[in-house]
Amino acid sequence: MPQLNPSPWFAILVFSWLIFLLIIPQKILAHNFPNEPTPLSTEISKTEPWNWPWH
């Protein structure tokens, strides 16, 4: 029964995990976004309370 022989499947498992852990994160971290968001101003806007007639 060839599916019980672990040698080819273990190599496939190890190489796939090496790809997932070493190559793919580097490609994801190297990605840059074309439109970087600009930080908003730190000035706090003054809010006024609403004077609603509660009838």
N, C-alpha and C. Protein backbone atom coordinates (compact mmCIF):
# COMPACT_ATOMS: atom_id res chain seq x y z
N MET A 1 0.85 -1.18 0.00
CA MET A 1 0.00 0.00 0.00
C MET A 1 0.90 1.24 0.00
N PRO A 2 0.95 1.96 -1.10
CA PRO A 2 1.91 3.07 -1.21
C PRO A 2 1.56 4.28 -0.34
N GLN A 3 0.30 4.44 0.01
CA GLN A 3 -0.05 5.61 0.83
C GLN A 3 0.48 5.49 2.26
N LEU A 4 0.92 4.32 2.67
CA LEU A 4 1.47 4.15 4.00
C LEU A 4 2.97 4.44 4.04
N ASN A 5 3.59 4.65 2.89
CA ASN A 5 5.01 4.98 2.85
C ASN A 5 5.15 6.47 3.11
N PRO A 6 5.71 6.89 4.25
CA PRO A 6 5.71 8.32 4.60
C PRO A 6 6.80 9.13 3.91
N SER A 7 7.75 8.50 3.26
CA SER A 7 8.89 9.27 2.76
C SER A 7 8.51 10.31 1.70
N PRO A 8 7.72 10.02 0.66
CA PRO A 8 7.43 11.11 -0.29
C PRO A 8 6.48 12.15 0.31
N TRP A 9 5.54 11.73 1.13
CA TRP A 9 4.57 12.69 1.67
C TRP A 9 5.19 13.57 2.73
N PHE A 10 6.14 13.04 3.48
CA PHE A 10 6.82 13.87 4.47
C PHE A 10 7.66 14.94 3.78
N ALA A 11 8.32 14.61 2.68
CA ALA A 11 9.10 15.60 1.94
C ALA A 11 8.19 16.68 1.36
N ILE A 12 7.03 16.28 0.84
CA ILE A 12 6.07 17.25 0.31
C ILE A 12 5.58 18.17 1.44
N LEU A 13 5.31 17.60 2.59
CA LEU A 13 4.87 18.39 3.74
C LEU A 13 5.95 19.39 4.16
N VAL A 14 7.18 18.95 4.26
CA VAL A 14 8.26 19.83 4.70
C VAL A 14 8.50 20.94 3.69
N PHE A 15 8.54 20.62 2.41
CA PHE A 15 8.78 21.66 1.40
C PHE A 15 7.63 22.64 1.31
N SER A 16 6.41 22.17 1.46
CA SER A 16 5.29 23.10 1.41
C SER A 16 5.31 24.04 2.62
N TRP A 17 5.68 23.52 3.82
CA TRP A 17 5.77 24.40 4.97
C TRP A 17 6.94 25.37 4.85
N LEU A 18 8.02 24.95 4.24
CA LEU A 18 9.13 25.88 4.01
C LEU A 18 8.70 27.02 3.09
N ILE A 19 7.92 26.69 2.08
CA ILE A 19 7.43 27.74 1.18
C ILE A 19 6.50 28.68 1.94
N PHE A 20 5.59 28.11 2.73
CA PHE A 20 4.64 28.95 3.46
C PHE A 20 5.31 29.82 4.51
N LEU A 21 6.38 29.32 5.14
CA LEU A 21 6.99 30.06 6.24
C LEU A 21 8.15 30.96 5.82
N LEU A 22 8.77 30.70 4.70
CA LEU A 22 9.95 31.47 4.32
C LEU A 22 9.73 32.38 3.11
N ILE A 23 9.05 31.90 2.12
CA ILE A 23 8.95 32.65 0.87
C ILE A 23 7.74 33.57 0.85
N ILE A 24 6.59 33.04 1.20
CA ILE A 24 5.36 33.82 1.10
C ILE A 24 5.35 35.02 2.05
N PRO A 25 5.77 34.91 3.34
CA PRO A 25 5.77 36.11 4.19
C PRO A 25 6.68 37.22 3.68
N GLN A 26 7.79 36.88 3.05
CA GLN A 26 8.67 37.91 2.50
C GLN A 26 7.98 38.65 1.36
N LYS A 27 7.24 37.93 0.53
CA LYS A 27 6.52 38.58 -0.56
C LYS A 27 5.39 39.46 -0.02
N ILE A 28 4.74 39.00 1.03
CA ILE A 28 3.65 39.80 1.60
C ILE A 28 4.19 41.05 2.28
N LEU A 29 5.28 40.92 3.03
CA LEU A 29 5.85 42.07 3.73
C LEU A 29 6.50 43.06 2.77
N ALA A 30 6.92 42.62 1.61
CA ALA A 30 7.53 43.52 0.64
C ALA A 30 6.49 44.30 -0.15
N HIS A 31 5.23 43.96 -0.01
CA HIS A 31 4.18 44.65 -0.75
C HIS A 31 4.00 46.06 -0.22
N ASN A 32 3.90 47.01 -1.11
CA ASN A 32 3.63 48.39 -0.69
C ASN A 32 2.33 48.85 -1.34
N PHE A 33 1.63 49.69 -0.65
CA PHE A 33 0.35 50.17 -1.12
C PHE A 33 0.57 51.45 -1.93
N PRO A 34 -0.09 51.61 -3.05
CA PRO A 34 0.14 52.80 -3.88
C PRO A 34 -0.38 54.08 -3.25
N ASN A 35 -1.43 54.01 -2.45
CA ASN A 35 -2.00 55.21 -1.84
C ASN A 35 -1.85 55.11 -0.33
N GLU A 36 -0.76 55.65 0.17
CA GLU A 36 -0.55 55.64 1.61
C GLU A 36 -1.49 56.66 2.26
N PRO A 37 -2.17 56.31 3.31
CA PRO A 37 -3.07 57.27 3.95
C PRO A 37 -2.27 58.35 4.67
N THR A 38 -2.74 59.57 4.56
CA THR A 38 -2.08 60.67 5.25
C THR A 38 -2.67 60.79 6.64
N PRO A 39 -1.85 61.06 7.63
CA PRO A 39 -2.39 61.20 8.99
C PRO A 39 -3.27 62.44 9.11
N LEU A 40 -4.33 62.32 9.87
CA LEU A 40 -5.22 63.45 10.09
C LEU A 40 -4.59 64.43 11.06
N SER A 41 -5.08 65.64 11.03
CA SER A 41 -4.54 66.64 11.95
C SER A 41 -4.91 66.29 13.39
N THR A 42 -4.07 66.71 14.31
CA THR A 42 -4.31 66.42 15.72
C THR A 42 -5.22 67.45 16.37
N GLU A 43 -5.67 68.41 15.61
CA GLU A 43 -6.55 69.44 16.17
C GLU A 43 -7.92 68.84 16.45
N ILE A 44 -8.41 69.02 17.67
CA ILE A 44 -9.70 68.47 18.08
C ILE A 44 -10.78 69.49 17.77
N SER A 45 -11.77 69.06 17.04
CA SER A 45 -12.85 69.99 16.70
C SER A 45 -13.76 70.17 17.92
N LYS A 46 -14.24 71.40 18.07
CA LYS A 46 -15.11 71.71 19.21
C LYS A 46 -16.54 71.35 18.84
N THR A 47 -17.15 70.54 19.65
CA THR A 47 -18.54 70.15 19.41
C THR A 47 -19.45 70.96 20.32
N GLU A 48 -20.60 71.27 19.79
CA GLU A 48 -21.57 72.06 20.55
C GLU A 48 -22.73 71.15 20.94
N PRO A 49 -23.28 71.31 22.13
CA PRO A 49 -24.43 70.48 22.52
C PRO A 49 -25.67 70.89 21.73
N TRP A 50 -26.54 69.96 21.52
CA TRP A 50 -27.78 70.22 20.81
C TRP A 50 -28.86 70.60 21.83
N ASN A 51 -29.51 71.69 21.54
CA ASN A 51 -30.63 72.13 22.39
C ASN A 51 -31.93 71.72 21.71
N TRP A 52 -32.34 70.49 21.98
CA TRP A 52 -33.55 69.98 21.36
C TRP A 52 -34.74 70.21 22.30
N PRO A 53 -35.83 70.63 21.74
CA PRO A 53 -37.03 70.73 22.59
C PRO A 53 -37.66 69.34 22.78
N TRP A 54 -37.50 68.81 23.96
CA TRP A 54 -38.01 67.47 24.21
C TRP A 54 -39.45 67.57 24.74
N HIS A 55 -40.39 67.51 23.83
CA HIS A 55 -41.82 67.62 24.21
C HIS A 55 -42.47 66.29 24.15
